[in-house]
Amino acid sequence: MPSFVHRVARPDDLPVIVDIYNSTIASREVTADTEPVSVASRQQWFDDHDPERRPLWVLHAADDDSASPAVIGWMSYSNFYGRPAYSGTAELSIYIAESWRGKGIGRYCLEQAIAYAPNIAVHTLLGFIFGHNVPSLALFKKFGFDTWAKLPRVANLDGIERDLIILGKRIA
């Protein structure tokens, strides 16, 4: 099993972050976007990820000791609902390059996210996952996330109505 490391994303990482995100759209399992997004359209989202409060991390293989290791995935903490009373709650997003899926990056991300949450004053983590995304649901449940809500048929992907499951885990 490969091992991984992460670091805070830099502005020059945004194109590969977008490429990895866009690679998931066609599956209709991971995101509600139905068309590829542009780097420009994701700039504000990128800028909103303050490393001190809501970090955005990029991942690479631990054995890639090149001067510029290849980004093979990313993980972010995002604000939930945007109001001050919810500042202790964050939504997790994990996206993995196609050739690296199923190799343990998701497990690594959840381990790191759960361990790091208290450092950014997060006591509650959420995952918003489509009901038909069985691998992601299983992964989050393996790490102690419980189903906190089911929003039936709220998404329409190519004429198929899909459920959104909100998984939650209390850290502290």
N, C-alpha and C. Protein backbone atom coordinates (compact mmCIF):
# COMPACT_ATOMS: atom_id res chain seq x y z
N MET A 1 0.85 -1.19 0.00
CA MET A 1 0.00 0.00 0.00
C MET A 1 0.89 1.25 0.00
N PRO A 2 0.68 2.15 -0.96
CA PRO A 2 1.49 3.38 -0.99
C PRO A 2 1.19 4.26 0.22
N SER A 3 2.13 5.13 0.53
CA SER A 3 1.88 6.12 1.58
C SER A 3 1.85 7.50 0.94
N PHE A 4 1.23 8.43 1.65
CA PHE A 4 0.96 9.74 1.07
C PHE A 4 1.39 10.83 2.03
N VAL A 5 1.58 12.01 1.49
CA VAL A 5 1.84 13.21 2.27
C VAL A 5 0.98 14.32 1.67
N HIS A 6 0.80 15.38 2.45
CA HIS A 6 0.01 16.50 1.97
C HIS A 6 0.68 17.81 2.38
N ARG A 7 0.27 18.86 1.72
CA ARG A 7 0.71 20.21 2.05
C ARG A 7 -0.41 21.17 1.68
N VAL A 8 -0.32 22.39 2.17
CA VAL A 8 -1.30 23.42 1.81
C VAL A 8 -1.16 23.73 0.32
N ALA A 9 -2.29 23.81 -0.35
CA ALA A 9 -2.29 24.11 -1.78
C ALA A 9 -1.76 25.52 -2.03
N ARG A 10 -1.01 25.64 -3.12
CA ARG A 10 -0.48 26.93 -3.57
C ARG A 10 -1.25 27.37 -4.81
N PRO A 11 -1.20 28.65 -5.14
CA PRO A 11 -1.92 29.12 -6.33
C PRO A 11 -1.59 28.33 -7.60
N ASP A 12 -0.35 27.91 -7.75
CA ASP A 12 0.01 27.17 -8.97
C ASP A 12 -0.55 25.75 -8.98
N ASP A 13 -1.17 25.30 -7.88
CA ASP A 13 -1.82 23.99 -7.84
C ASP A 13 -3.25 24.03 -8.38
N LEU A 14 -3.82 25.22 -8.51
CA LEU A 14 -5.23 25.31 -8.89
C LEU A 14 -5.55 24.60 -10.21
N PRO A 15 -4.74 24.71 -11.26
CA PRO A 15 -5.10 23.97 -12.49
C PRO A 15 -5.22 22.46 -12.30
N VAL A 16 -4.32 21.85 -11.54
CA VAL A 16 -4.41 20.40 -11.34
C VAL A 16 -5.57 20.06 -10.41
N ILE A 17 -5.86 20.91 -9.45
CA ILE A 17 -7.03 20.71 -8.58
C ILE A 17 -8.29 20.68 -9.45
N VAL A 18 -8.39 21.63 -10.36
CA VAL A 18 -9.55 21.69 -11.26
C VAL A 18 -9.58 20.47 -12.18
N ASP A 19 -8.43 20.06 -12.70
CA ASP A 19 -8.38 18.88 -13.57
C ASP A 19 -8.89 17.63 -12.83
N ILE A 20 -8.44 17.46 -11.59
CA ILE A 20 -8.89 16.30 -10.81
C ILE A 20 -10.39 16.38 -10.56
N TYR A 21 -10.87 17.56 -10.20
CA TYR A 21 -12.31 17.75 -9.98
C TYR A 21 -13.09 17.41 -11.25
N ASN A 22 -12.65 17.98 -12.36
CA ASN A 22 -13.35 17.75 -13.63
C ASN A 22 -13.35 16.28 -14.03
N SER A 23 -12.33 15.54 -13.62
CA SER A 23 -12.27 14.12 -13.98
C SER A 23 -13.36 13.30 -13.31
N THR A 24 -14.03 13.86 -12.30
CA THR A 24 -15.08 13.13 -11.59
C THR A 24 -16.48 13.42 -12.13
N ILE A 25 -16.62 14.44 -12.94
CA ILE A 25 -17.95 14.88 -13.36
C ILE A 25 -18.68 13.82 -14.17
N ALA A 26 -18.01 13.20 -15.11
CA ALA A 26 -18.67 12.24 -15.99
C ALA A 26 -19.27 11.05 -15.25
N SER A 27 -18.71 10.68 -14.10
CA SER A 27 -19.22 9.52 -13.36
C SER A 27 -20.61 9.76 -12.80
N ARG A 28 -20.97 11.00 -12.59
CA ARG A 28 -22.24 11.39 -11.98
C ARG A 28 -22.42 10.79 -10.58
N GLU A 29 -21.29 10.50 -9.92
CA GLU A 29 -21.35 9.96 -8.55
C GLU A 29 -20.82 10.92 -7.49
N VAL A 30 -20.04 11.91 -7.91
CA VAL A 30 -19.26 12.66 -6.93
C VAL A 30 -19.70 14.11 -6.78
N THR A 31 -20.05 14.76 -7.87
CA THR A 31 -20.38 16.18 -7.83
C THR A 31 -21.68 16.46 -8.57
N ALA A 32 -22.33 17.53 -8.21
CA ALA A 32 -23.55 17.94 -8.90
C ALA A 32 -23.26 18.80 -10.12
N ASP A 33 -22.00 19.13 -10.34
CA ASP A 33 -21.65 19.81 -11.60
C ASP A 33 -21.84 18.80 -12.73
N THR A 34 -22.37 19.27 -13.84
CA THR A 34 -22.60 18.38 -14.98
C THR A 34 -21.71 18.72 -16.17
N GLU A 35 -21.01 19.84 -16.09
CA GLU A 35 -20.07 20.26 -17.13
C GLU A 35 -18.76 20.64 -16.43
N PRO A 36 -17.63 20.49 -17.13
CA PRO A 36 -16.36 20.89 -16.52
C PRO A 36 -16.35 22.35 -16.08
N VAL A 37 -15.64 22.61 -15.00
CA VAL A 37 -15.48 23.98 -14.50
C VAL A 37 -14.12 24.51 -14.97
N SER A 38 -13.98 25.82 -14.95
CA SER A 38 -12.72 26.45 -15.37
C SER A 38 -11.90 26.84 -14.15
N VAL A 39 -10.63 27.02 -14.39
CA VAL A 39 -9.75 27.50 -13.32
C VAL A 39 -10.24 28.87 -12.83
N ALA A 40 -10.61 29.74 -13.75
CA ALA A 40 -11.08 31.07 -13.36
C ALA A 40 -12.33 31.00 -12.48
N SER A 41 -13.22 30.06 -12.79
CA SER A 41 -14.46 29.96 -12.01
C SER A 41 -14.21 29.43 -10.60
N ARG A 42 -13.07 28.80 -10.37
CA ARG A 42 -12.75 28.24 -9.06
C ARG A 42 -11.79 29.11 -8.26
N GLN A 43 -11.38 30.24 -8.81
CA GLN A 43 -10.40 31.10 -8.13
C GLN A 43 -10.91 31.60 -6.79
N GLN A 44 -12.14 32.11 -6.74
CA GLN A 44 -12.67 32.63 -5.48
C GLN A 44 -12.78 31.52 -4.44
N TRP A 45 -13.24 30.35 -4.86
CA TRP A 45 -13.31 29.18 -3.97
C TRP A 45 -11.93 28.88 -3.40
N PHE A 46 -10.92 28.87 -4.25
CA PHE A 46 -9.55 28.63 -3.82
C PHE A 46 -9.12 29.69 -2.80
N ASP A 47 -9.37 30.94 -3.12
CA ASP A 47 -8.97 32.05 -2.24
C ASP A 47 -9.68 32.00 -0.89
N ASP A 48 -10.87 31.44 -0.84
CA ASP A 48 -11.63 31.35 0.40
C ASP A 48 -11.07 30.31 1.37
N HIS A 49 -10.16 29.47 0.91
CA HIS A 49 -9.58 28.45 1.77
C HIS A 49 -8.36 29.01 2.51
N ASP A 50 -8.64 29.52 3.70
CA ASP A 50 -7.62 30.07 4.58
C ASP A 50 -6.90 28.92 5.28
N PRO A 51 -5.59 28.78 5.09
CA PRO A 51 -4.87 27.66 5.72
C PRO A 51 -5.01 27.60 7.24
N GLU A 52 -5.30 28.73 7.87
CA GLU A 52 -5.44 28.77 9.32
C GLU A 52 -6.81 28.33 9.80
N ARG A 53 -7.82 28.41 8.95
CA ARG A 53 -9.20 28.08 9.36
C ARG A 53 -9.85 26.99 8.52
N ARG A 54 -9.65 27.04 7.21
CA ARG A 54 -10.28 26.09 6.29
C ARG A 54 -9.27 25.70 5.22
N PRO A 55 -8.31 24.87 5.60
CA PRO A 55 -7.24 24.55 4.64
C PRO A 55 -7.72 23.73 3.45
N LEU A 56 -6.99 23.91 2.39
CA LEU A 56 -7.11 23.11 1.17
C LEU A 56 -5.76 22.44 0.99
N TRP A 57 -5.75 21.13 1.03
CA TRP A 57 -4.50 20.38 0.94
C TRP A 57 -4.41 19.65 -0.39
N VAL A 58 -3.22 19.58 -0.93
CA VAL A 58 -2.96 18.70 -2.07
C VAL A 58 -2.13 17.54 -1.57
N LEU A 59 -2.30 16.40 -2.25
CA LEU A 59 -1.64 15.17 -1.82
C LEU A 59 -0.72 14.66 -2.90
N HIS A 60 0.35 14.02 -2.47
CA HIS A 60 1.21 13.31 -3.41
C HIS A 60 1.77 12.07 -2.74
N ALA A 61 2.29 11.19 -3.56
CA ALA A 61 2.86 9.94 -3.04
C ALA A 61 4.11 10.28 -2.23
N ALA A 62 4.26 9.63 -1.08
CA ALA A 62 5.39 9.90 -0.20
C ALA A 62 6.72 9.56 -0.85
N ASP A 63 6.72 8.60 -1.76
CA ASP A 63 7.98 8.21 -2.39
C ASP A 63 8.32 9.04 -3.63
N ASP A 64 7.49 10.05 -3.93
CA ASP A 64 7.79 10.95 -5.06
C ASP A 64 8.67 12.07 -4.52
N ASP A 65 9.98 11.88 -4.64
CA ASP A 65 10.92 12.86 -4.08
C ASP A 65 11.44 13.82 -5.13
N SER A 66 10.70 13.97 -6.21
CA SER A 66 11.10 14.92 -7.25
C SER A 66 10.95 16.35 -6.72
N ALA A 67 11.53 17.30 -7.42
CA ALA A 67 11.49 18.69 -6.99
C ALA A 67 10.05 19.21 -6.94
N SER A 68 9.21 18.70 -7.81
CA SER A 68 7.81 19.10 -7.84
C SER A 68 6.94 17.84 -7.94
N PRO A 69 6.64 17.21 -6.79
CA PRO A 69 5.88 15.95 -6.81
C PRO A 69 4.51 16.13 -7.47
N ALA A 70 4.07 15.12 -8.18
CA ALA A 70 2.78 15.16 -8.85
C ALA A 70 1.63 15.17 -7.84
N VAL A 71 0.71 16.10 -8.02
CA VAL A 71 -0.48 16.15 -7.18
C VAL A 71 -1.41 15.03 -7.64
N ILE A 72 -1.80 14.17 -6.70
CA ILE A 72 -2.64 13.02 -7.02
C ILE A 72 -4.02 13.10 -6.37
N GLY A 73 -4.26 14.16 -5.64
CA GLY A 73 -5.56 14.35 -5.02
C GLY A 73 -5.56 15.62 -4.19
N TRP A 74 -6.73 15.96 -3.70
CA TRP A 74 -6.84 17.12 -2.83
C TRP A 74 -7.99 16.92 -1.84
N MET A 75 -7.90 17.65 -0.74
CA MET A 75 -8.90 17.60 0.30
C MET A 75 -9.11 19.00 0.85
N SER A 76 -10.35 19.35 1.12
CA SER A 76 -10.61 20.67 1.66
C SER A 76 -11.61 20.62 2.80
N TYR A 77 -11.46 21.57 3.70
CA TYR A 77 -12.46 21.88 4.70
C TYR A 77 -13.17 23.13 4.17
N SER A 78 -14.48 23.12 4.19
CA SER A 78 -15.25 24.29 3.75
C SER A 78 -16.23 24.68 4.83
N ASN A 79 -16.56 25.96 4.87
CA ASN A 79 -17.54 26.44 5.82
C ASN A 79 -18.88 25.77 5.58
N PHE A 80 -19.58 25.50 6.66
CA PHE A 80 -20.94 25.01 6.59
C PHE A 80 -21.88 26.18 6.84
N TYR A 81 -22.67 26.49 5.88
CA TYR A 81 -23.75 27.46 5.98
C TYR A 81 -23.32 28.91 6.15
N GLY A 82 -22.05 29.18 6.43
CA GLY A 82 -21.53 30.54 6.39
C GLY A 82 -21.96 31.51 7.48
N ARG A 83 -22.53 31.04 8.54
CA ARG A 83 -22.92 31.93 9.63
C ARG A 83 -22.04 31.64 10.84
N PRO A 84 -21.75 32.67 11.66
CA PRO A 84 -20.79 32.51 12.75
C PRO A 84 -21.09 31.37 13.72
N ALA A 85 -22.35 31.11 14.01
CA ALA A 85 -22.68 30.06 14.97
C ALA A 85 -22.27 28.67 14.49
N TYR A 86 -22.02 28.54 13.18
CA TYR A 86 -21.62 27.25 12.61
C TYR A 86 -20.11 27.15 12.39
N SER A 87 -19.34 28.06 12.96
CA SER A 87 -17.90 28.10 12.67
C SER A 87 -17.15 26.85 13.12
N GLY A 88 -17.71 26.07 14.03
CA GLY A 88 -17.07 24.85 14.49
C GLY A 88 -17.40 23.63 13.64
N THR A 89 -18.14 23.85 12.57
CA THR A 89 -18.54 22.77 11.68
C THR A 89 -17.94 23.01 10.30
N ALA A 90 -17.39 21.95 9.70
CA ALA A 90 -16.80 22.07 8.36
C ALA A 90 -17.22 20.89 7.50
N GLU A 91 -17.42 21.17 6.23
CA GLU A 91 -17.68 20.13 5.25
C GLU A 91 -16.35 19.66 4.66
N LEU A 92 -16.18 18.36 4.56
CA LEU A 92 -14.98 17.80 3.93
C LEU A 92 -15.27 17.45 2.49
N SER A 93 -14.31 17.74 1.63
CA SER A 93 -14.36 17.30 0.24
C SER A 93 -13.05 16.61 -0.08
N ILE A 94 -13.15 15.47 -0.75
CA ILE A 94 -11.97 14.70 -1.14
C ILE A 94 -12.12 14.34 -2.61
N TYR A 95 -11.11 14.67 -3.40
CA TYR A 95 -11.10 14.35 -4.83
C TYR A 95 -9.75 13.73 -5.17
N ILE A 96 -9.79 12.65 -5.92
CA ILE A 96 -8.59 11.86 -6.19
C ILE A 96 -8.42 11.68 -7.69
N ALA A 97 -7.19 11.83 -8.17
CA ALA A 97 -6.91 11.62 -9.59
C ALA A 97 -7.32 10.20 -9.98
N GLU A 98 -7.85 10.06 -11.17
CA GLU A 98 -8.43 8.79 -11.61
C GLU A 98 -7.50 7.60 -11.43
N SER A 99 -6.24 7.75 -11.79
CA SER A 99 -5.31 6.61 -11.71
C SER A 99 -4.92 6.26 -10.27
N TRP A 100 -5.30 7.09 -9.31
CA TRP A 100 -4.95 6.85 -7.91
C TRP A 100 -6.14 6.43 -7.06
N ARG A 101 -7.32 6.35 -7.64
CA ARG A 101 -8.51 5.95 -6.88
C ARG A 101 -8.39 4.49 -6.45
N GLY A 102 -8.87 4.21 -5.24
CA GLY A 102 -8.84 2.85 -4.72
C GLY A 102 -7.51 2.43 -4.14
N LYS A 103 -6.62 3.40 -3.89
CA LYS A 103 -5.28 3.08 -3.39
C LYS A 103 -5.03 3.61 -1.97
N GLY A 104 -6.09 4.02 -1.28
CA GLY A 104 -5.93 4.42 0.10
C GLY A 104 -5.85 5.92 0.35
N ILE A 105 -5.96 6.73 -0.68
CA ILE A 105 -5.88 8.18 -0.48
C ILE A 105 -7.06 8.68 0.34
N GLY A 106 -8.24 8.17 0.07
CA GLY A 106 -9.42 8.60 0.84
C GLY A 106 -9.25 8.30 2.32
N ARG A 107 -8.75 7.12 2.64
CA ARG A 107 -8.49 6.77 4.05
C ARG A 107 -7.48 7.74 4.66
N TYR A 108 -6.40 8.00 3.91
CA TYR A 108 -5.39 8.93 4.40
C TYR A 108 -6.02 10.31 4.67
N CYS A 109 -6.82 10.79 3.74
CA CYS A 109 -7.44 12.10 3.90
C CYS A 109 -8.33 12.16 5.14
N LEU A 110 -9.17 11.15 5.33
CA LEU A 110 -10.05 11.17 6.50
C LEU A 110 -9.26 11.07 7.80
N GLU A 111 -8.24 10.25 7.84
CA GLU A 111 -7.39 10.18 9.04
C GLU A 111 -6.81 11.55 9.37
N GLN A 112 -6.25 12.19 8.36
CA GLN A 112 -5.62 13.50 8.56
C GLN A 112 -6.65 14.57 8.92
N ALA A 113 -7.78 14.56 8.24
CA ALA A 113 -8.81 15.58 8.49
C ALA A 113 -9.36 15.48 9.90
N ILE A 114 -9.63 14.28 10.35
CA ILE A 114 -10.16 14.09 11.71
C ILE A 114 -9.12 14.51 12.75
N ALA A 115 -7.89 14.11 12.55
CA ALA A 115 -6.83 14.45 13.51
C ALA A 115 -6.56 15.95 13.54
N TYR A 116 -6.67 16.62 12.40
CA TYR A 116 -6.31 18.03 12.31
C TYR A 116 -7.45 18.97 12.73
N ALA A 117 -8.69 18.51 12.67
CA ALA A 117 -9.84 19.38 12.92
C ALA A 117 -9.73 20.21 14.20
N PRO A 118 -9.30 19.66 15.34
CA PRO A 118 -9.19 20.51 16.53
C PRO A 118 -8.21 21.68 16.38
N ASN A 119 -7.23 21.53 15.51
CA ASN A 119 -6.26 22.62 15.29
C ASN A 119 -6.87 23.84 14.62
N ILE A 120 -8.01 23.65 13.97
CA ILE A 120 -8.68 24.77 13.30
C ILE A 120 -10.05 25.03 13.93
N ALA A 121 -10.19 24.61 15.19
CA ALA A 121 -11.40 24.84 15.99
C ALA A 121 -12.65 24.23 15.35
N VAL A 122 -12.48 23.06 14.74
CA VAL A 122 -13.61 22.33 14.17
C VAL A 122 -13.94 21.16 15.07
N HIS A 123 -15.19 21.10 15.52
CA HIS A 123 -15.64 20.01 16.38
C HIS A 123 -16.58 19.05 15.66
N THR A 124 -17.06 19.46 14.50
CA THR A 124 -18.00 18.64 13.74
C THR A 124 -17.60 18.64 12.28
N LEU A 125 -17.50 17.43 11.70
CA LEU A 125 -17.18 17.28 10.29
C LEU A 125 -18.39 16.70 9.56
N LEU A 126 -18.61 17.19 8.35
CA LEU A 126 -19.71 16.73 7.52
C LEU A 126 -19.21 16.24 6.18
N GLY A 127 -19.90 15.29 5.63
CA GLY A 127 -19.67 14.86 4.25
C GLY A 127 -21.00 14.89 3.53
N PHE A 128 -21.04 15.54 2.37
CA PHE A 128 -22.23 15.58 1.53
C PHE A 128 -21.97 14.61 0.38
N ILE A 129 -22.68 13.49 0.37
CA ILE A 129 -22.36 12.40 -0.56
C ILE A 129 -23.65 11.91 -1.21
N PHE A 130 -23.60 11.73 -2.53
CA PHE A 130 -24.76 11.17 -3.22
C PHE A 130 -25.07 9.78 -2.68
N GLY A 131 -26.35 9.46 -2.59
CA GLY A 131 -26.77 8.17 -2.07
C GLY A 131 -26.32 6.98 -2.90
N HIS A 132 -26.02 7.20 -4.16
CA HIS A 132 -25.55 6.10 -5.02
C HIS A 132 -24.02 6.00 -5.06
N ASN A 133 -23.32 6.86 -4.32
CA ASN A 133 -21.85 6.80 -4.25
C ASN A 133 -21.47 5.86 -3.10
N VAL A 134 -21.66 4.59 -3.34
CA VAL A 134 -21.46 3.57 -2.32
C VAL A 134 -20.04 3.56 -1.75
N PRO A 135 -18.98 3.67 -2.59
CA PRO A 135 -17.63 3.65 -2.01
C PRO A 135 -17.38 4.79 -1.03
N SER A 136 -17.82 6.00 -1.36
CA SER A 136 -17.59 7.13 -0.45
C SER A 136 -18.41 7.00 0.82
N LEU A 137 -19.65 6.58 0.69
CA LEU A 137 -20.47 6.37 1.89
C LEU A 137 -19.82 5.34 2.81
N ALA A 138 -19.33 4.25 2.25
CA ALA A 138 -18.69 3.20 3.05
C ALA A 138 -17.43 3.72 3.73
N LEU A 139 -16.65 4.50 3.01
CA LEU A 139 -15.41 5.04 3.58
C LEU A 139 -15.72 5.93 4.78
N PHE A 140 -16.62 6.87 4.63
CA PHE A 140 -16.95 7.77 5.73
C PHE A 140 -17.52 6.99 6.92
N LYS A 141 -18.37 6.03 6.64
CA LYS A 141 -18.95 5.23 7.74
C LYS A 141 -17.86 4.43 8.46
N LYS A 142 -16.86 3.96 7.71
CA LYS A 142 -15.75 3.23 8.32
C LYS A 142 -15.01 4.11 9.35
N PHE A 143 -15.04 5.42 9.14
CA PHE A 143 -14.38 6.35 10.05
C PHE A 143 -15.33 6.94 11.09
N GLY A 144 -16.47 6.31 11.27
CA GLY A 144 -17.37 6.70 12.35
C GLY A 144 -18.36 7.80 12.01
N PHE A 145 -18.48 8.15 10.75
CA PHE A 145 -19.50 9.12 10.35
C PHE A 145 -20.85 8.42 10.32
N ASP A 146 -21.87 9.11 10.80
CA ASP A 146 -23.22 8.58 10.80
C ASP A 146 -24.08 9.38 9.83
N THR A 147 -25.14 8.76 9.36
CA THR A 147 -26.09 9.47 8.50
C THR A 147 -26.88 10.43 9.37
N TRP A 148 -26.77 11.71 9.05
CA TRP A 148 -27.50 12.72 9.81
C TRP A 148 -28.71 13.24 9.04
N ALA A 149 -28.68 13.07 7.72
CA ALA A 149 -29.83 13.52 6.92
C ALA A 149 -29.82 12.82 5.58
N LYS A 150 -31.01 12.63 5.06
CA LYS A 150 -31.17 12.14 3.69
C LYS A 150 -32.11 13.10 2.99
N LEU A 151 -31.61 13.71 1.93
CA LEU A 151 -32.41 14.62 1.13
C LEU A 151 -32.80 13.86 -0.14
N PRO A 152 -34.01 13.33 -0.16
CA PRO A 152 -34.39 12.46 -1.28
C PRO A 152 -34.59 13.23 -2.59
N ARG A 153 -34.01 12.68 -3.64
CA ARG A 153 -34.19 13.14 -5.01
C ARG A 153 -34.00 14.65 -5.19
N VAL A 154 -32.99 15.22 -4.55
CA VAL A 154 -32.74 16.66 -4.66
C VAL A 154 -31.86 17.02 -5.85
N ALA A 155 -31.19 16.04 -6.43
CA ALA A 155 -30.32 16.31 -7.58
C ALA A 155 -30.86 15.57 -8.80
N ASN A 156 -30.72 16.21 -9.95
CA ASN A 156 -31.12 15.59 -11.20
C ASN A 156 -29.89 15.47 -12.08
N LEU A 157 -29.43 14.25 -12.27
CA LEU A 157 -28.25 13.99 -13.08
C LEU A 157 -28.67 13.21 -14.32
N ASP A 158 -28.68 13.89 -15.44
CA ASP A 158 -29.05 13.27 -16.71
C ASP A 158 -30.44 12.64 -16.66
N GLY A 159 -31.37 13.32 -16.01
CA GLY A 159 -32.73 12.84 -15.94
C GLY A 159 -33.00 11.85 -14.83
N ILE A 160 -32.00 11.52 -14.03
CA ILE A 160 -32.17 10.60 -12.91
C ILE A 160 -32.10 11.40 -11.61
N GLU A 161 -33.15 11.30 -10.82
CA GLU A 161 -33.16 12.00 -9.54
C GLU A 161 -32.32 11.23 -8.53
N ARG A 162 -31.47 11.95 -7.81
CA ARG A 162 -30.53 11.34 -6.87
C ARG A 162 -30.69 11.93 -5.48
N ASP A 163 -30.47 11.07 -4.48
CA ASP A 163 -30.50 11.50 -3.08
C ASP A 163 -29.15 12.08 -2.68
N LEU A 164 -29.20 13.01 -1.74
CA LEU A 164 -27.98 13.51 -1.11
C LEU A 164 -28.01 13.06 0.35
N ILE A 165 -26.94 12.43 0.77
CA ILE A 165 -26.82 11.96 2.15
C ILE A 165 -25.83 12.89 2.87
N ILE A 166 -26.21 13.35 4.02
CA ILE A 166 -25.31 14.17 4.84
C ILE A 166 -24.84 13.29 5.99
N LEU A 167 -23.53 13.05 6.00
CA LEU A 167 -22.91 12.27 7.05
C LEU A 167 -22.20 13.22 8.00
N GLY A 168 -22.23 12.90 9.29
CA GLY A 168 -21.60 13.77 10.27
C GLY A 168 -20.82 12.97 11.30
N LYS A 169 -19.82 13.65 11.84
CA LYS A 169 -19.01 13.06 12.92
C LYS A 169 -18.63 14.18 13.87
N ARG A 170 -18.90 13.95 15.11
CA ARG A 170 -18.50 14.88 16.17
C ARG A 170 -17.07 14.53 16.58
N ILE A 171 -16.18 15.50 16.53
CA ILE A 171 -14.76 15.27 16.84
C ILE A 171 -14.49 15.49 18.33
N ALA A 172 -15.11 16.48 18.88
CA ALA A 172 -14.87 16.79 20.30
C ALA A 172 -16.18 16.99 21.03
